[in-house]
Amino acid sequence: MKKMTKKEARDYVKRWRLVDRVLDEELRQTSIETKFQKMDAAYRMAVGLGFLPKLKALKQETEKEVRQRWLRLKTTHP
């Protein structure tokens, strides 16, 4: 594999910074409705792929840990 020169590396980074600026501007111009539709599509995909039961289990475990911490605080600091 050919090594990149410093100039090629700078040009590469410069191009990707330009891409980032364009994407940022597109995101700013996107309506709330479109953003919501995209979020809803991602949520439905997560449901379809079975990710949500895992998230629900993680949330329940986190809530259990928080309850245990509160119980320890209540019993050690009256």
Protein backbone atom coordinates (compact mmCIF):
# COMPACT_ATOMS: atom_id res chain seq x y z
CA MET A 1 0.00 0.00 0.00
CA LYS A 2 1.35 3.42 -1.00
CA LYS A 3 2.04 5.86 1.82
CA MET A 4 0.29 9.21 1.83
CA THR A 5 2.36 12.35 1.60
CA LYS A 6 1.79 15.18 4.07
CA LYS A 7 0.12 17.22 1.33
CA GLU A 8 -2.18 14.33 0.40
CA ALA A 9 -3.08 13.85 4.07
CA ARG A 10 -3.84 17.57 4.48
CA ASP A 11 -5.96 17.56 1.32
CA TYR A 12 -7.80 14.46 2.53
CA VAL A 13 -8.61 16.05 5.90
CA LYS A 14 -9.59 19.30 4.17
CA ARG A 15 -12.09 17.46 1.93
CA TRP A 16 -13.67 15.68 4.89
CA ARG A 17 -13.97 18.94 6.82
CA LEU A 18 -15.82 20.37 3.82
CA VAL A 19 -18.11 17.32 3.79
CA ASP A 20 -18.77 17.81 7.52
CA ARG A 21 -19.71 21.46 6.96
CA VAL A 22 -22.12 20.52 4.15
CA LEU A 23 -23.73 17.79 6.29
CA ASP A 24 -24.05 20.19 9.24
CA GLU A 25 -25.77 22.75 7.03
CA GLU A 26 -28.11 20.13 5.59
CA LEU A 27 -29.02 19.06 9.11
CA ARG A 28 -29.76 22.66 10.11
CA GLN A 29 -31.99 23.06 7.07
CA THR A 30 -33.92 19.84 7.73
CA SER A 31 -37.41 20.40 9.12
CA ILE A 32 -38.46 19.10 12.52
CA GLU A 33 -41.04 16.89 10.79
CA THR A 34 -38.37 15.21 8.65
CA LYS A 35 -36.09 14.75 11.66
CA PHE A 36 -38.97 13.16 13.57
CA GLN A 37 -39.76 10.85 10.65
CA LYS A 38 -36.13 9.73 10.53
CA MET A 39 -36.08 9.16 14.29
CA ASP A 40 -39.32 7.18 14.06
CA ALA A 41 -37.87 5.06 11.24
CA ALA A 42 -34.76 4.34 13.36
CA TYR A 43 -36.97 3.42 16.33
CA ARG A 44 -39.07 1.06 14.20
CA MET A 45 -35.91 -0.54 12.82
CA ALA A 46 -34.61 -1.07 16.36
CA VAL A 47 -37.91 -2.72 17.29
CA GLY A 48 -37.77 -4.89 14.18
CA LEU A 49 -34.21 -5.98 14.92
CA GLY A 50 -35.06 -6.84 18.51
CA PHE A 51 -32.89 -4.18 20.17
CA LEU A 52 -35.60 -2.73 22.40
CA PRO A 53 -36.00 -5.72 24.72
CA LYS A 54 -32.27 -5.41 25.41
CA LEU A 55 -32.64 -1.69 26.12
CA LYS A 56 -35.63 -2.35 28.36
CA ALA A 57 -33.66 -4.93 30.33
CA LEU A 58 -30.75 -2.50 30.65
CA LYS A 59 -33.10 0.26 31.86
CA GLN A 60 -34.66 -2.07 34.44
CA GLU A 61 -31.22 -3.10 35.68
CA THR A 62 -30.15 0.56 35.95
CA GLU A 63 -33.33 1.43 37.87
CA LYS A 64 -32.66 -1.49 40.21
CA GLU A 65 -29.12 -0.20 40.87
CA VAL A 66 -30.43 3.30 41.61
CA ARG A 67 -33.03 1.95 44.04
CA GLN A 68 -30.32 -0.06 45.81
CA ARG A 69 -28.14 3.06 46.14
CA TRP A 70 -31.04 5.06 47.59
CA LEU A 71 -31.78 2.27 50.04
CA ARG A 72 -28.13 2.24 51.17
CA LEU A 73 -28.18 6.04 51.56
CA LYS A 74 -31.40 5.94 53.59
CA THR A 75 -30.11 3.25 55.92
CA THR A 76 -26.64 4.79 56.46
CA HIS A 77 -27.71 8.46 56.70
CA PRO A 78 -30.91 8.80 58.74
